[in-house]
Amino acid sequence: MRVLLKAKLDTEKANEAIRGGTMEKTMQSAMEMLRPEAAYFTAQDGCRTAIIVFDLADTSDIPRLTEPFMQDLGAKVEMSPVMNREDLARGLAARG
């Protein structure tokens, strides 16, 4: 299932990770686990924010995939199923 993950990083924990040189390692590890279709980094509500679209094969993977953001960076994580244009077209066609 295609999922959008939004991780809003805690400013202090992210600052510590940047100063300590662990931010790049944490993000690289997360990208290797998620194998994203797309990943964007921005600021939202004054927080560093990662917006990542990836395929969630099994819901039991959620803790493994999200805990690095929460534990290492104090992130607030949201996940939502999403569709691309082709998914939407198939869904509408199936509607009848």
PDB file of N, CA and C in Angstrom:
ATOM      1  N   MET A   1       0.848  -1.171   0.000  1.00  0.00           N
ATOM      2  CA  MET A   1       0.000   0.000   0.000  1.00  0.00           C
ATOM      3  C   MET A   1       0.898   1.241   0.000  1.00  0.00           C
ATOM      4  N   ARG A   2       0.582   2.183  -0.871  1.00  0.00           N
ATOM      5  CA  ARG A   2       1.332   3.435  -0.930  1.00  0.00           C
ATOM      6  C   ARG A   2       0.925   4.297   0.271  1.00  0.00           C
ATOM      7  N   VAL A   3       1.938   4.797   0.973  1.00  0.00           N
ATOM      8  CA  VAL A   3       1.709   5.558   2.201  1.00  0.00           C
ATOM      9  C   VAL A   3       2.522   6.849   2.162  1.00  0.00           C
ATOM     10  N   LEU A   4       1.911   7.912   2.683  1.00  0.00           N
ATOM     11  CA  LEU A   4       2.620   9.166   2.886  1.00  0.00           C
ATOM     12  C   LEU A   4       2.977   9.244   4.364  1.00  0.00           C
ATOM     13  N   LEU A   5       4.250   9.391   4.642  1.00  0.00           N
ATOM     14  CA  LEU A   5       4.733   9.559   6.013  1.00  0.00           C
ATOM     15  C   LEU A   5       5.220  10.986   6.154  1.00  0.00           C
ATOM     16  N   LYS A   6       4.731  11.667   7.191  1.00  0.00           N
ATOM     17  CA  LYS A   6       5.208  13.009   7.492  1.00  0.00           C
ATOM     18  C   LYS A   6       5.844  12.962   8.877  1.00  0.00           C
ATOM     19  N   ALA A   7       7.111  13.340   8.961  1.00  0.00           N
ATOM     20  CA  ALA A   7       7.825  13.357  10.232  1.00  0.00           C
ATOM     21  C   ALA A   7       8.242  14.789  10.533  1.00  0.00           C
ATOM     22  N   LYS A   8       7.623  15.376  11.566  1.00  0.00           N
ATOM     23  CA  LYS A   8       8.003  16.722  12.018  1.00  0.00           C
ATOM     24  C   LYS A   8       9.017  16.544  13.135  1.00  0.00           C
ATOM     25  N   LEU A   9      10.243  16.985  12.879  1.00  0.00           N
ATOM     26  CA  LEU A   9      11.333  16.756  13.811  1.00  0.00           C
ATOM     27  C   LEU A   9      11.328  17.772  14.943  1.00  0.00           C
ATOM     28  N   ASP A  10      11.623  17.283  16.139  1.00  0.00           N
ATOM     29  CA  ASP A  10      11.794  18.167  17.287  1.00  0.00           C
ATOM     30  C   ASP A  10      13.032  19.026  17.037  1.00  0.00           C
ATOM     31  N   THR A  11      12.917  20.333  17.182  1.00  0.00           N
ATOM     32  CA  THR A  11      14.005  21.241  16.845  1.00  0.00           C
ATOM     33  C   THR A  11      15.252  20.966  17.668  1.00  0.00           C
ATOM     34  N   GLU A  12      15.108  20.824  18.982  1.00  0.00           N
ATOM     35  CA  GLU A  12      16.285  20.606  19.829  1.00  0.00           C
ATOM     36  C   GLU A  12      16.971  19.283  19.525  1.00  0.00           C
ATOM     37  N   LYS A  13      16.179  18.205  19.396  1.00  0.00           N
ATOM     38  CA  LYS A  13      16.782  16.903  19.095  1.00  0.00           C
ATOM     39  C   LYS A  13      17.425  16.904  17.709  1.00  0.00           C
ATOM     40  N   ALA A  14      16.806  17.564  16.749  1.00  0.00           N
ATOM     41  CA  ALA A  14      17.389  17.655  15.410  1.00  0.00           C
ATOM     42  C   ALA A  14      18.669  18.490  15.440  1.00  0.00           C
ATOM     43  N   ASN A  15      18.664  19.585  16.199  1.00  0.00           N
ATOM     44  CA  ASN A  15      19.879  20.397  16.339  1.00  0.00           C
ATOM     45  C   ASN A  15      21.016  19.559  16.929  1.00  0.00           C
ATOM     46  N   GLU A  16      20.706  18.777  17.967  1.00  0.00           N
ATOM     47  CA  GLU A  16      21.715  17.911  18.584  1.00  0.00           C
ATOM     48  C   GLU A  16      22.248  16.905  17.570  1.00  0.00           C
ATOM     49  N   ALA A  17      21.347  16.328  16.776  1.00  0.00           N
ATOM     50  CA  ALA A  17      21.753  15.340  15.775  1.00  0.00           C
ATOM     51  C   ALA A  17      22.641  15.972  14.701  1.00  0.00           C
ATOM     52  N   ILE A  18      22.332  17.188  14.311  1.00  0.00           N
ATOM     53  CA  ILE A  18      23.160  17.886  13.322  1.00  0.00           C
ATOM     54  C   ILE A  18      24.525  18.193  13.913  1.00  0.00           C
ATOM     55  N   ARG A  19      24.531  18.766  15.120  1.00  0.00           N
ATOM     56  CA  ARG A  19      25.808  19.096  15.769  1.00  0.00           C
ATOM     57  C   ARG A  19      26.637  17.850  16.045  1.00  0.00           C
ATOM     58  N   GLY A  20      25.967  16.750  16.411  1.00  0.00           N
ATOM     59  CA  GLY A  20      26.671  15.511  16.728  1.00  0.00           C
ATOM     60  C   GLY A  20      27.031  14.679  15.512  1.00  0.00           C
ATOM     61  N   GLY A  21      26.573  15.096  14.338  1.00  0.00           N
ATOM     62  CA  GLY A  21      26.903  14.391  13.112  1.00  0.00           C
ATOM     63  C   GLY A  21      26.099  13.125  12.871  1.00  0.00           C
ATOM     64  N   THR A  22      24.969  12.957  13.575  1.00  0.00           N
ATOM     65  CA  THR A  22      24.169  11.737  13.404  1.00  0.00           C
ATOM     66  C   THR A  22      22.947  11.917  12.508  1.00  0.00           C
ATOM     67  N   MET A  23      22.608  13.144  12.163  1.00  0.00           N
ATOM     68  CA  MET A  23      21.413  13.391  11.348  1.00  0.00           C
ATOM     69  C   MET A  23      21.525  12.685   9.997  1.00  0.00           C
ATOM     70  N   GLU A  24      22.657  12.839   9.332  1.00  0.00           N
ATOM     71  CA  GLU A  24      22.818  12.234   8.014  1.00  0.00           C
ATOM     72  C   GLU A  24      22.714  10.712   8.109  1.00  0.00           C
ATOM     73  N   LYS A  25      23.312  10.123   9.130  1.00  0.00           N
ATOM     74  CA  LYS A  25      23.258   8.666   9.313  1.00  0.00           C
ATOM     75  C   LYS A  25      21.827   8.202   9.562  1.00  0.00           C
ATOM     76  N   THR A  26      21.088   8.920  10.396  1.00  0.00           N
ATOM     77  CA  THR A  26      19.697   8.561  10.686  1.00  0.00           C
ATOM     78  C   THR A  26      18.849   8.636   9.427  1.00  0.00           C
ATOM     79  N   MET A  27      18.994   9.702   8.648  1.00  0.00           N
ATOM     80  CA  MET A  27      18.213   9.861   7.422  1.00  0.00           C
ATOM     81  C   MET A  27      18.595   8.812   6.387  1.00  0.00           C
ATOM     82  N   GLN A  28      19.884   8.536   6.244  1.00  0.00           N
ATOM     83  CA  GLN A  28      20.325   7.526   5.289  1.00  0.00           C
ATOM     84  C   GLN A  28      19.748   6.161   5.653  1.00  0.00           C
ATOM     85  N   SER A  29      19.793   5.821   6.924  1.00  0.00           N
ATOM     86  CA  SER A  29      19.246   4.550   7.395  1.00  0.00           C
ATOM     87  C   SER A  29      17.746   4.473   7.132  1.00  0.00           C
ATOM     88  N   ALA A  30      17.032   5.569   7.413  1.00  0.00           N
ATOM     89  CA  ALA A  30      15.583   5.608   7.179  1.00  0.00           C
ATOM     90  C   ALA A  30      15.272   5.427   5.697  1.00  0.00           C
ATOM     91  N   MET A  31      16.029   6.089   4.828  1.00  0.00           N
ATOM     92  CA  MET A  31      15.789   5.977   3.385  1.00  0.00           C
ATOM     93  C   MET A  31      16.067   4.558   2.899  1.00  0.00           C
ATOM     94  N   GLU A  32      17.065   3.902   3.454  1.00  0.00           N
ATOM     95  CA  GLU A  32      17.363   2.518   3.066  1.00  0.00           C
ATOM     96  C   GLU A  32      16.228   1.578   3.486  1.00  0.00           C
ATOM     97  N   MET A  33      15.650   1.816   4.671  1.00  0.00           N
ATOM     98  CA  MET A  33      14.539   0.971   5.129  1.00  0.00           C
ATOM     99  C   MET A  33      13.265   1.236   4.342  1.00  0.00           C
ATOM    100  N   LEU A  34      12.973   2.522   4.090  1.00  0.00           N
ATOM    101  CA  LEU A  34      11.719   2.897   3.437  1.00  0.00           C
ATOM    102  C   LEU A  34      11.749   2.683   1.933  1.00  0.00           C
ATOM    103  N   ARG A  35      12.912   2.821   1.319  1.00  0.00           N
ATOM    104  CA  ARG A  35      13.034   2.772  -0.143  1.00  0.00           C
ATOM    105  C   ARG A  35      11.927   3.619  -0.788  1.00  0.00           C
ATOM    106  N   PRO A  36      11.955   4.921  -0.546  1.00  0.00           N
ATOM    107  CA  PRO A  36      10.829   5.776  -0.956  1.00  0.00           C
ATOM    108  C   PRO A  36      10.682   5.944  -2.457  1.00  0.00           C
ATOM    109  N   GLU A  37       9.422   6.115  -2.831  1.00  0.00           N
ATOM    110  CA  GLU A  37       9.075   6.525  -4.192  1.00  0.00           C
ATOM    111  C   GLU A  37       9.462   7.993  -4.368  1.00  0.00           C
ATOM    112  N   ALA A  38       9.291   8.757  -3.302  1.00  0.00           N
ATOM    113  CA  ALA A  38       9.651  10.175  -3.287  1.00  0.00           C
ATOM    114  C   ALA A  38       9.944  10.590  -1.849  1.00  0.00           C
ATOM    115  N   ALA A  39      10.865  11.524  -1.681  1.00  0.00           N
ATOM    116  CA  ALA A  39      11.173  12.070  -0.357  1.00  0.00           C
ATOM    117  C   ALA A  39      11.474  13.553  -0.506  1.00  0.00           C
ATOM    118  N   TYR A  40      10.821  14.349   0.337  1.00  0.00           N
ATOM    119  CA  TYR A  40      10.987  15.795   0.301  1.00  0.00           C
ATOM    120  C   TYR A  40      11.252  16.278   1.717  1.00  0.00           C
ATOM    121  N   PHE A  41      12.005  17.349   1.819  1.00  0.00           N
ATOM    122  CA  PHE A  41      12.355  17.902   3.123  1.00  0.00           C
ATOM    123  C   PHE A  41      12.051  19.391   3.093  1.00  0.00           C
ATOM    124  N   THR A  42      11.341  19.846   4.119  1.00  0.00           N
ATOM    125  CA  THR A  42      10.866  21.226   4.146  1.00  0.00           C
ATOM    126  C   THR A  42      10.731  21.663   5.601  1.00  0.00           C
ATOM    127  N   ALA A  43      10.154  22.829   5.799  1.00  0.00           N
ATOM    128  CA  ALA A  43       9.810  23.303   7.134  1.00  0.00           C
ATOM    129  C   ALA A  43       8.297  23.481   7.184  1.00  0.00           C
ATOM    130  N   GLN A  44       7.684  22.940   8.234  1.00  0.00           N
ATOM    131  CA  GLN A  44       6.253  23.126   8.460  1.00  0.00           C
ATOM    132  C   GLN A  44       6.047  23.468   9.923  1.00  0.00           C
ATOM    133  N   ASP A  45       5.242  24.468  10.167  1.00  0.00           N
ATOM    134  CA  ASP A  45       4.957  24.910  11.529  1.00  0.00           C
ATOM    135  C   ASP A  45       6.240  25.155  12.316  1.00  0.00           C
ATOM    136  N   GLY A  46       7.262  25.669  11.641  1.00  0.00           N
ATOM    137  CA  GLY A  46       8.526  25.987  12.297  1.00  0.00           C
ATOM    138  C   GLY A  46       9.403  24.782  12.599  1.00  0.00           C
ATOM    139  N   CYS A  47       9.063  23.613  12.047  1.00  0.00           N
ATOM    140  CA  CYS A  47       9.836  22.394  12.311  1.00  0.00           C
ATOM    141  C   CYS A  47      10.409  21.832  11.022  1.00  0.00           C
ATOM    142  N   ARG A  48      11.614  21.293  11.117  1.00  0.00           N
ATOM    143  CA  ARG A  48      12.143  20.521   9.992  1.00  0.00           C
ATOM    144  C   ARG A  48      11.190  19.356   9.767  1.00  0.00           C
ATOM    145  N   THR A  49      10.829  19.111   8.513  1.00  0.00           N
ATOM    146  CA  THR A  49       9.821  18.096   8.214  1.00  0.00           C
ATOM    147  C   THR A  49      10.243  17.265   7.019  1.00  0.00           C
ATOM    148  N   ALA A  50      10.109  15.949   7.165  1.00  0.00           N
ATOM    149  CA  ALA A  50      10.338  15.022   6.057  1.00  0.00           C
ATOM    150  C   ALA A  50       8.984  14.535   5.572  1.00  0.00           C
ATOM    151  N   ILE A  51       8.772  14.558   4.263  1.00  0.00           N
ATOM    152  CA  ILE A  51       7.545  14.057   3.643  1.00  0.00           C
ATOM    153  C   ILE A  51       7.972  12.954   2.693  1.00  0.00           C
ATOM    154  N   ILE A  52       7.560  11.735   2.996  1.00  0.00           N
ATOM    155  CA  ILE A  52       8.082  10.567   2.303  1.00  0.00           C
ATOM    156  C   ILE A  52       6.932   9.698   1.812  1.00  0.00           C
ATOM    157  N   VAL A  53       6.979   9.300   0.552  1.00  0.00           N
ATOM    158  CA  VAL A  53       5.990   8.379  -0.019  1.00  0.00           C
ATOM    159  C   VAL A  53       6.698   7.049  -0.261  1.00  0.00           C
ATOM    160  N   PHE A  54       6.122   5.977   0.285  1.00  0.00           N
ATOM    161  CA  PHE A  54       6.755   4.664   0.157  1.00  0.00           C
ATOM    162  C   PHE A  54       5.692   3.576   0.143  1.00  0.00           C
ATOM    163  N   ASP A  55       6.114   2.360  -0.177  1.00  0.00           N
ATOM    164  CA  ASP A  55       5.210   1.212  -0.198  1.00  0.00           C
ATOM    165  C   ASP A  55       5.304   0.484   1.132  1.00  0.00           C
ATOM    166  N   LEU A  56       4.186   0.419   1.850  1.00  0.00           N
ATOM    167  CA  LEU A  56       4.115  -0.304   3.115  1.00  0.00           C
ATOM    168  C   LEU A  56       3.609  -1.708   2.816  1.00  0.00           C
ATOM    169  N   ALA A  57       4.510  -2.674   2.885  1.00  0.00           N
ATOM    170  CA  ALA A  57       4.163  -4.050   2.544  1.00  0.00           C
ATOM    171  C   ALA A  57       3.328  -4.699   3.643  1.00  0.00           C
ATOM    172  N   ASP A  58       3.614  -4.381   4.893  1.00  0.00           N
ATOM    173  CA  ASP A  58       2.931  -5.029   6.018  1.00  0.00           C
ATOM    174  C   ASP A  58       2.836  -4.038   7.161  1.00  0.00           C
ATOM    175  N   THR A  59       1.665  -3.912   7.756  1.00  0.00           N
ATOM    176  CA  THR A  59       1.494  -2.941   8.842  1.00  0.00           C
ATOM    177  C   THR A  59       2.385  -3.242  10.042  1.00  0.00           C
ATOM    178  N   SER A  60       2.842  -4.485  10.181  1.00  0.00           N
ATOM    179  CA  SER A  60       3.750  -4.797  11.293  1.00  0.00           C
ATOM    180  C   SER A  60       5.109  -4.124  11.116  1.00  0.00           C
ATOM    181  N   ASP A  61       5.380  -3.552   9.936  1.00  0.00           N
ATOM    182  CA  ASP A  61       6.631  -2.833   9.687  1.00  0.00           C
ATOM    183  C   ASP A  61       6.598  -1.408  10.253  1.00  0.00           C
ATOM    184  N   ILE A  62       5.432  -0.920  10.632  1.00  0.00           N
ATOM    185  CA  ILE A  62       5.305   0.476  11.066  1.00  0.00           C
ATOM    186  C   ILE A  62       6.276   0.817  12.194  1.00  0.00           C
ATOM    187  N   PRO A  63       6.354   0.050  13.283  1.00  0.00           N
ATOM    188  CA  PRO A  63       7.300   0.432  14.342  1.00  0.00           C
ATOM    189  C   PRO A  63       8.753   0.497  13.844  1.00  0.00           C
ATOM    190  N   ARG A  64       9.168  -0.486  13.088  1.00  0.00           N
ATOM    191  CA  ARG A  64      10.547  -0.523  12.583  1.00  0.00           C
ATOM    192  C   ARG A  64      10.857   0.693  11.718  1.00  0.00           C
ATOM    193  N   LEU A  65       9.880   1.125  10.931  1.00  0.00           N
ATOM    194  CA  LEU A  65      10.093   2.223   9.996  1.00  0.00           C
ATOM    195  C   LEU A  65       9.972   3.600  10.635  1.00  0.00           C
ATOM    196  N   THR A  66       9.177   3.736  11.682  1.00  0.00           N
ATOM    197  CA  THR A  66       8.929   5.056  12.274  1.00  0.00           C
ATOM    198  C   THR A  66       9.750   5.351  13.523  1.00  0.00           C
ATOM    199  N   GLU A  67      10.149   4.318  14.259  1.00  0.00           N
ATOM    200  CA  GLU A  67      10.863   4.562  15.517  1.00  0.00           C
ATOM    201  C   GLU A  67      12.148   5.361  15.365  1.00  0.00           C
ATOM    202  N   PRO A  68      12.942   5.165  14.300  1.00  0.00           N
ATOM    203  CA  PRO A  68      14.140   6.009  14.185  1.00  0.00           C
ATOM    204  C   PRO A  68      13.821   7.510  14.172  1.00  0.00           C
ATOM    205  N   PHE A  69      12.748   7.885  13.501  1.00  0.00           N
ATOM    206  CA  PHE A  69      12.359   9.297  13.494  1.00  0.00           C
ATOM    207  C   PHE A  69      11.960   9.755  14.897  1.00  0.00           C
ATOM    208  N   MET A  70      11.192   8.923  15.596  1.00  0.00           N
ATOM    209  CA  MET A  70      10.709   9.304  16.921  1.00  0.00           C
ATOM    210  C   MET A  70      11.818   9.262  17.967  1.00  0.00           C
ATOM    211  N   GLN A  71      12.575   8.169  17.996  1.00  0.00           N
ATOM    212  CA  GLN A  71      13.593   8.021  19.040  1.00  0.00           C
ATOM    213  C   GLN A  71      14.801   8.909  18.803  1.00  0.00           C
ATOM    214  N   ASP A  72      15.310   8.936  17.575  1.00  0.00           N
ATOM    215  CA  ASP A  72      16.539   9.670  17.301  1.00  0.00           C
ATOM    216  C   ASP A  72      16.322  11.159  17.111  1.00  0.00           C
ATOM    217  N   LEU A  73      15.137  11.539  16.618  1.00  0.00           N
ATOM    218  CA  LEU A  73      14.909  12.938  16.256  1.00  0.00           C
ATOM    219  C   LEU A  73      13.697  13.556  16.944  1.00  0.00           C
ATOM    220  N   GLY A  74      13.068  12.806  17.851  1.00  0.00           N
ATOM    221  CA  GLY A  74      11.919  13.338  18.590  1.00  0.00           C
ATOM    222  C   GLY A  74      10.775  13.749  17.692  1.00  0.00           C
ATOM    223  N   ALA A  75      10.609  13.065  16.564  1.00  0.00           N
ATOM    224  CA  ALA A  75       9.623  13.471  15.567  1.00  0.00           C
ATOM    225  C   ALA A  75       8.204  13.071  15.951  1.00  0.00           C
ATOM    226  N   LYS A  76       7.277  13.873  15.505  1.00  0.00           N
ATOM    227  CA  LYS A  76       5.865  13.521  15.505  1.00  0.00           C
ATOM    228  C   LYS A  76       5.599  12.960  14.119  1.00  0.00           C
ATOM    229  N   VAL A  77       5.129  11.724  14.058  1.00  0.00           N
ATOM    230  CA  VAL A  77       4.983  11.026  12.788  1.00  0.00           C
ATOM    231  C   VAL A  77       3.511  10.816  12.473  1.00  0.00           C
ATOM    232  N   GLU A  78       3.132  11.135  11.238  1.00  0.00           N
ATOM    233  CA  GLU A  78       1.786  10.862  10.730  1.00  0.00           C
ATOM    234  C   GLU A  78       1.932   9.993   9.489  1.00  0.00           C
ATOM    235  N   MET A  79       1.003   9.057   9.315  1.00  0.00           N
ATOM    236  CA  MET A  79       1.001   8.207   8.127  1.00  0.00           C
ATOM    237  C   MET A  79      -0.412   8.150   7.571  1.00  0.00           C
ATOM    238  N   SER A  80      -0.504   8.225   6.231  1.00  0.00           N
ATOM    239  CA  SER A  80      -1.798   8.168   5.561  1.00  0.00           C
ATOM    240  C   SER A  80      -1.667   7.375   4.273  1.00  0.00           C
ATOM    241  N   PRO A  81      -2.653   6.514   3.972  1.00  0.00           N
ATOM    242  CA  PRO A  81      -2.631   5.876   2.653  1.00  0.00           C
ATOM    243  C   PRO A  81      -2.891   6.942   1.598  1.00  0.00           C
ATOM    244  N   VAL A  82      -2.200   6.827   0.460  1.00  0.00           N
ATOM    245  CA  VAL A  82      -2.366   7.799  -0.619  1.00  0.00           C
ATOM    246  C   VAL A  82      -2.423   7.077  -1.956  1.00  0.00           C
ATOM    247  N   MET A  83      -2.940   7.799  -2.967  1.00  0.00           N
ATOM    248  CA  MET A  83      -3.030   7.265  -4.328  1.00  0.00           C
ATOM    249  C   MET A  83      -2.247   8.169  -5.260  1.00  0.00           C
ATOM    250  N   ASN A  84      -1.728   7.577  -6.311  1.00  0.00           N
ATOM    251  CA  ASN A  84      -1.200   8.400  -7.396  1.00  0.00           C
ATOM    252  C   ASN A  84      -2.313   8.543  -8.434  1.00  0.00           C
ATOM    253  N   ARG A  85      -2.010   9.200  -9.530  1.00  0.00           N
ATOM    254  CA  ARG A  85      -3.031   9.474 -10.551  1.00  0.00           C
ATOM    255  C   ARG A  85      -3.626   8.186 -11.125  1.00  0.00           C
ATOM    256  N   GLU A  86      -2.763   7.195 -11.371  1.00  0.00           N
ATOM    257  CA  GLU A  86      -3.236   5.929 -11.938  1.00  0.00           C
ATOM    258  C   GLU A  86      -4.145   5.184 -10.953  1.00  0.00           C
ATOM    259  N   ASP A  87      -3.788   5.216  -9.664  1.00  0.00           N
ATOM    260  CA  ASP A  87      -4.626   4.576  -8.644  1.00  0.00           C
ATOM    261  C   ASP A  87      -6.011   5.213  -8.614  1.00  0.00           C
ATOM    262  N   LEU A  88      -6.048   6.524  -8.668  1.00  0.00           N
ATOM    263  CA  LEU A  88      -7.321   7.240  -8.655  1.00  0.00           C
ATOM    264  C   LEU A  88      -8.167   6.859  -9.866  1.00  0.00           C
ATOM    265  N   ALA A  89      -7.542   6.801 -11.035  1.00  0.00           N
ATOM    266  CA  ALA A  89      -8.287   6.446 -12.246  1.00  0.00           C
ATOM    267  C   ALA A  89      -8.857   5.038 -12.132  1.00  0.00           C
ATOM    268  N   ARG A  90      -8.071   4.077 -11.624  1.00  0.00           N
ATOM    269  CA  ARG A  90      -8.577   2.713 -11.439  1.00  0.00           C
ATOM    270  C   ARG A  90      -9.728   2.669 -10.439  1.00  0.00           C
ATOM    271  N   GLY A  91      -9.591   3.411  -9.371  1.00  0.00           N
ATOM    272  CA  GLY A  91     -10.645   3.465  -8.356  1.00  0.00           C
ATOM    273  C   GLY A  91     -11.932   4.041  -8.904  1.00  0.00           C
ATOM    274  N   LEU A  92     -11.811   5.110  -9.659  1.00  0.00           N
ATOM    275  CA  LEU A  92     -13.014   5.726 -10.254  1.00  0.00           C
ATOM    276  C   LEU A  92     -13.638   4.823 -11.293  1.00  0.00           C
ATOM    277  N   ALA A  93     -12.808   4.126 -12.080  1.00  0.00           N
ATOM    278  CA  ALA A  93     -13.338   3.208 -13.101  1.00  0.00           C
ATOM    279  C   ALA A  93     -14.054   2.036 -12.456  1.00  0.00           C
ATOM    280  N   ALA A  94     -13.563   1.576 -11.331  1.00  0.00           N
ATOM    281  CA  ALA A  94     -14.164   0.440 -10.631  1.00  0.00           C
ATOM    282  C   ALA A  94     -15.485   0.822  -9.960  1.00  0.00           C
ATOM    283  N   ARG A  95     -15.688   2.085  -9.802  1.00  0.00           N
ATOM    284  CA  ARG A  95     -16.911   2.585  -9.150  1.00  0.00           C
ATOM    285  C   ARG A  95     -18.148   2.253  -9.969  1.00  0.00           C
ATOM    286  N   GLY A  96     -17.953   2.128 -11.285  1.00  0.00           N
ATOM    287  CA  GLY A  96     -19.063   1.730 -12.135  1.00  0.00           C
ATOM    288  C   GLY A  96     -19.803   2.797 -12.711  1.00  0.00           C
TER     289      GLY A  96
END
